[in-house]
Amino acid sequence: MNARGEKRTLTYKETVKRKTCSQERQQPLPKNHDQKNARCYCRRQAQSVKILCISSRMVIMNSLQHPRTRPTRPPAKRLWLLPVLLFLVICSDQMTKYAARSVLISAREIPFLKGLVTFSLVENHGGFLGIVSNLPVGLRFFFLNICVALLLFGCLTYLLRFSGQNPHIWMPLALITGGGLSNLMDRLIGNGGVTDFIIVGLGDLQTGIFNLADVFILLGSFYLGFQLFRHAGNTSK
């Protein structure tokens, strides 16, 4: 602005000069800068490098003191035993079901051990001991096929990825998974029904009808509960 307070138009030389000055302020210090400012500039750079080194060292020390916990994979021997155990559980259950369908189709009941065990052929569409037999067909399909498939997928994932953290529960969980897979195969192949043929009873006191896969599931469940209870008691001590 001039003396009268009016805006004055800058000439071309003044505009170039102002732009040059602003660019010089943004650029780092030139090599021919005076010695005092050069020493300050070097000191600031040295402090920045020192702070960076200290920060990096703190990060490294923290990572060493508090490492990330990664899931412990099961040993290779257990990875080989898992498919073998699942194969034995599924094959034994399917063989007994095939024998029951072949032998019991013409006989109504076959008592064994003086009536302590009775073999009788039934196609079960209501789940274990018929617990969901009174539900509609859509709900039965949801609980017995979709929910069971998701649960078995979670069990298999745990056995293959995380069972190394708790090696004491892999065998009962494998028994439960094998029995569940065998019954799920029956439901997918046999129009939603599972072959049951075993009844255990003493006099008027009898169990519901079940199959060998249910036996594996019950044994695995009791063994799993025992192992969890035992290790929970050890950790509390």
Protein backbone atom coordinates (compact mmCIF):
# COMPACT_ATOMS: atom_id res chain seq x y z
CA MET A 1 0.00 0.00 0.00
CA ASN A 2 1.19 3.54 -0.71
CA ALA A 3 1.17 6.56 1.65
CA ARG A 4 -2.49 7.28 0.86
CA GLY A 5 -3.58 3.78 1.94
CA GLU A 6 -4.29 2.61 -1.57
CA LYS A 7 -3.22 -0.76 -2.88
CA ARG A 8 -0.30 -0.64 -5.23
CA THR A 9 0.13 -3.15 -8.03
CA LEU A 10 3.39 -5.12 -7.69
CA THR A 11 5.77 -5.07 -10.55
CA TYR A 12 7.04 -8.24 -12.17
CA LYS A 13 10.45 -8.00 -10.43
CA GLU A 14 8.86 -7.57 -6.99
CA THR A 15 6.59 -10.56 -7.53
CA VAL A 16 9.50 -12.78 -8.56
CA LYS A 17 11.52 -11.58 -5.58
CA ARG A 18 8.76 -12.42 -3.13
CA LYS A 19 8.27 -15.88 -4.56
CA THR A 20 12.02 -16.53 -4.39
CA CYS A 21 12.16 -15.46 -0.75
CA SER A 22 9.26 -17.70 0.23
CA GLN A 23 10.86 -20.68 -1.55
CA GLU A 24 14.14 -20.05 0.20
CA ARG A 25 12.40 -20.12 3.57
CA GLN A 26 10.88 -23.49 2.77
CA GLN A 27 14.13 -25.04 1.49
CA PRO A 28 16.76 -26.52 3.86
CA LEU A 29 19.70 -24.44 4.87
CA PRO A 30 22.20 -23.90 2.03
CA LYS A 31 25.76 -25.08 2.20
CA ASN A 32 27.20 -21.57 2.33
CA HIS A 33 25.18 -20.56 5.37
CA ASP A 34 27.03 -18.90 8.20
CA GLN A 35 28.88 -21.12 10.64
CA LYS A 36 26.69 -20.44 13.70
CA ASN A 37 23.42 -21.38 12.04
CA ALA A 38 25.08 -24.42 10.45
CA ARG A 39 26.12 -25.70 13.91
CA CYS A 40 22.53 -25.24 15.18
CA TYR A 41 21.20 -27.06 12.14
CA CYS A 42 23.59 -30.00 12.68
CA ARG A 43 22.70 -30.11 16.38
CA ARG A 44 19.00 -30.34 15.62
CA GLN A 45 19.61 -33.10 13.11
CA ALA A 46 21.70 -35.02 15.64
CA GLN A 47 18.96 -34.71 18.27
CA SER A 48 16.37 -35.97 15.80
CA VAL A 49 18.50 -39.02 14.97
CA LYS A 50 19.08 -39.68 18.69
CA ILE A 51 15.36 -39.52 19.46
CA LEU A 52 14.65 -41.88 16.57
CA CYS A 53 17.23 -44.39 17.81
CA ILE A 54 15.85 -44.27 21.38
CA SER A 55 12.29 -44.79 20.13
CA SER A 56 13.34 -47.75 17.97
CA ARG A 57 15.21 -49.33 20.87
CA MET A 58 12.18 -48.93 23.16
CA VAL A 59 9.91 -50.56 20.59
CA ILE A 60 12.32 -53.50 20.19
CA MET A 61 12.68 -53.98 23.95
CA ASN A 62 8.92 -53.87 24.43
CA SER A 63 8.36 -56.46 21.72
CA LEU A 64 10.95 -58.76 23.34
CA GLN A 65 9.43 -58.41 26.80
CA HIS A 66 5.84 -58.83 25.59
CA PRO A 67 5.90 -61.09 22.52
CA ARG A 68 2.71 -61.76 20.63
CA THR A 69 1.08 -65.01 21.59
CA ARG A 70 0.64 -67.21 18.58
CA PRO A 71 -1.49 -70.34 18.58
CA THR A 72 0.55 -73.43 19.35
CA ARG A 73 0.08 -75.90 16.56
CA PRO A 74 -0.27 -79.56 17.53
CA PRO A 75 2.75 -81.79 16.86
CA ALA A 76 2.98 -83.71 13.62
CA LYS A 77 2.34 -87.04 15.37
CA ARG A 78 -1.01 -85.82 16.68
CA LEU A 79 -1.95 -84.46 13.26
CA TRP A 80 -1.51 -87.99 11.87
CA LEU A 81 -3.44 -89.61 14.74
CA LEU A 82 -6.42 -87.27 14.34
CA PRO A 83 -7.60 -88.49 10.88
CA VAL A 84 -6.92 -92.10 11.92
CA LEU A 85 -9.10 -91.73 15.03
CA LEU A 86 -11.86 -89.97 13.10
CA PHE A 87 -11.74 -92.69 10.43
CA LEU A 88 -12.03 -95.47 13.03
CA VAL A 89 -14.94 -93.81 14.81
CA ILE A 90 -16.88 -93.13 11.60
CA CYS A 91 -16.17 -96.53 10.04
CA SER A 92 -17.10 -98.52 13.17
CA ASP A 93 -20.36 -96.59 13.52
CA GLN A 94 -21.31 -96.95 9.87
CA MET A 95 -20.49 -100.69 9.88
CA THR A 96 -22.69 -101.34 12.92
CA LYS A 97 -25.52 -99.32 11.35
CA TYR A 98 -25.20 -101.31 8.13
CA ALA A 99 -25.31 -104.58 10.09
CA ALA A 100 -28.36 -103.37 12.02
CA ARG A 101 -30.20 -102.46 8.82
CA SER A 102 -29.33 -105.83 7.32
CA VAL A 103 -30.19 -108.07 10.29
CA LEU A 104 -32.87 -106.20 12.22
CA ILE A 105 -35.06 -105.34 9.21
CA SER A 106 -36.71 -108.78 9.45
CA ALA A 107 -36.65 -109.08 13.26
CA ARG A 108 -38.59 -106.82 15.55
CA GLU A 109 -36.28 -107.03 18.58
CA ILE A 110 -33.25 -109.11 19.52
CA PRO A 111 -32.48 -109.31 23.27
CA PHE A 112 -28.89 -109.70 24.39
CA LEU A 113 -27.33 -110.41 27.80
CA LYS A 114 -30.67 -111.55 29.25
CA GLY A 115 -32.43 -108.43 28.13
CA LEU A 116 -29.84 -105.97 29.47
CA VAL A 117 -29.20 -104.85 25.88
CA THR A 118 -31.89 -104.97 23.21
CA PHE A 119 -31.33 -104.41 19.50
CA SER A 120 -34.22 -102.81 17.62
CA LEU A 121 -34.12 -100.91 14.34
CA VAL A 122 -35.47 -97.33 14.32
CA GLU A 123 -34.95 -94.41 11.93
CA ASN A 124 -34.61 -91.42 14.24
CA HIS A 125 -35.57 -88.00 12.82
CA GLY A 126 -35.60 -86.18 16.16
CA GLY A 127 -31.97 -85.92 17.21
CA PHE A 128 -30.31 -87.59 20.18
CA LEU A 129 -32.97 -89.57 22.08
CA GLY A 130 -35.59 -87.69 20.02
CA ILE A 131 -35.15 -84.38 21.86
CA VAL A 132 -36.35 -82.25 18.90
CA SER A 133 -38.88 -84.68 17.44
CA ASN A 134 -41.81 -82.38 18.30
CA LEU A 135 -40.39 -79.36 16.43
CA PRO A 136 -41.45 -78.42 12.87
CA VAL A 137 -39.47 -79.82 9.98
CA GLY A 138 -37.75 -76.51 9.22
CA LEU A 139 -36.53 -76.05 12.78
CA ARG A 140 -35.38 -79.65 12.97
CA PHE A 141 -33.36 -79.18 9.78
CA PHE A 142 -31.83 -75.98 11.18
CA PHE A 143 -30.80 -77.50 14.52
CA LEU A 144 -29.79 -80.98 13.35
CA ASN A 145 -28.04 -80.07 10.10
CA ILE A 146 -26.92 -76.43 9.97
CA CYS A 147 -26.13 -75.90 13.66
CA VAL A 148 -24.47 -79.30 13.99
CA ALA A 149 -22.38 -78.72 10.83
CA LEU A 150 -21.17 -75.34 12.15
CA LEU A 151 -20.33 -76.87 15.53
CA LEU A 152 -18.38 -79.71 13.94
CA PHE A 153 -16.52 -77.26 11.71
CA GLY A 154 -15.49 -75.31 14.81
CA CYS A 155 -14.31 -78.52 16.51
CA LEU A 156 -12.23 -79.53 13.49
CA THR A 157 -10.70 -76.05 13.27
CA TYR A 158 -9.74 -76.19 16.94
CA LEU A 159 -8.25 -79.66 16.58
CA LEU A 160 -6.13 -78.67 13.58
CA ARG A 161 -5.03 -75.20 14.72
CA PHE A 162 -5.23 -74.73 18.48
CA SER A 163 -5.18 -78.13 20.17
CA GLY A 164 -1.47 -77.67 20.90
CA GLN A 165 -2.42 -75.21 23.66
CA ASN A 166 -4.54 -77.88 25.44
CA PRO A 167 -3.17 -81.29 24.45
CA HIS A 168 -5.24 -83.07 27.13
CA ILE A 169 -8.58 -82.41 25.39
CA TRP A 170 -7.79 -83.36 21.80
CA MET A 171 -8.76 -87.03 22.13
CA PRO A 172 -12.21 -86.54 23.73
CA LEU A 173 -12.91 -83.72 21.30
CA ALA A 174 -11.92 -86.01 18.42
CA LEU A 175 -14.35 -88.68 19.69
CA ILE A 176 -17.16 -86.12 19.85
CA THR A 177 -16.31 -84.80 16.40
CA GLY A 178 -16.15 -88.29 14.85
CA GLY A 179 -19.50 -89.33 16.30
CA GLY A 180 -21.13 -86.08 15.21
CA LEU A 181 -19.75 -86.42 11.67
CA SER A 182 -21.06 -89.97 11.37
CA ASN A 183 -24.58 -88.98 12.46
CA LEU A 184 -24.48 -85.94 10.18
CA MET A 185 -23.58 -88.21 7.26
CA ASP A 186 -26.67 -90.31 8.03
CA ARG A 187 -28.90 -87.24 8.04
CA LEU A 188 -27.51 -85.96 4.74
CA ILE A 189 -27.73 -89.36 3.02
CA GLY A 190 -30.77 -90.92 4.69
CA ASN A 191 -33.35 -88.17 4.16
CA GLY A 192 -32.82 -86.60 7.59
CA GLY A 193 -32.96 -89.84 9.58
CA VAL A 194 -30.31 -91.58 11.68
CA THR A 195 -30.20 -95.34 12.23
CA ASP A 196 -30.61 -96.17 15.95
CA PHE A 197 -30.68 -99.75 17.20
CA ILE A 198 -29.39 -100.03 20.81
CA ILE A 199 -31.53 -99.99 23.97
CA VAL A 200 -30.03 -100.55 27.41
CA GLY A 201 -32.40 -101.36 30.24
CA LEU A 202 -32.88 -103.22 33.48
CA GLY A 203 -36.45 -104.29 34.07
CA ASP A 204 -38.81 -101.38 33.54
CA LEU A 205 -35.93 -98.88 33.59
CA GLN A 206 -34.69 -98.36 30.02
CA THR A 207 -32.73 -95.79 28.10
CA GLY A 208 -33.78 -94.24 24.83
CA ILE A 209 -32.67 -95.83 21.60
CA PHE A 210 -29.23 -94.80 20.30
CA ASN A 211 -26.32 -95.94 18.13
CA LEU A 212 -22.56 -96.34 18.40
CA ALA A 213 -21.89 -92.74 17.34
CA ASP A 214 -23.94 -91.56 20.32
CA VAL A 215 -21.77 -93.76 22.56
CA PHE A 216 -18.61 -92.07 21.23
CA ILE A 217 -20.18 -88.64 21.75
CA LEU A 218 -21.17 -89.46 25.35
CA LEU A 219 -17.79 -90.99 26.19
CA GLY A 220 -15.97 -88.01 24.68
CA SER A 221 -18.21 -85.56 26.54
CA PHE A 222 -17.65 -87.22 29.93
CA TYR A 223 -13.91 -87.53 29.30
CA LEU A 224 -13.72 -83.90 28.16
CA GLY A 225 -15.55 -82.70 31.28
CA PHE A 226 -13.24 -84.78 33.47
CA GLN A 227 -10.11 -83.36 31.83
CA LEU A 228 -11.33 -79.76 32.07
CA PHE A 229 -12.30 -80.21 35.72
CA ARG A 230 -8.97 -81.84 36.59
CA HIS A 231 -6.83 -79.19 34.90
CA ALA A 232 -8.96 -76.39 36.30
CA GLY A 233 -8.26 -77.76 39.80
CA ASN A 234 -4.53 -77.94 39.09
CA THR A 235 -4.36 -74.35 37.86
CA SER A 236 -6.31 -73.06 40.88
CA LYS A 237 -3.73 -74.62 43.20
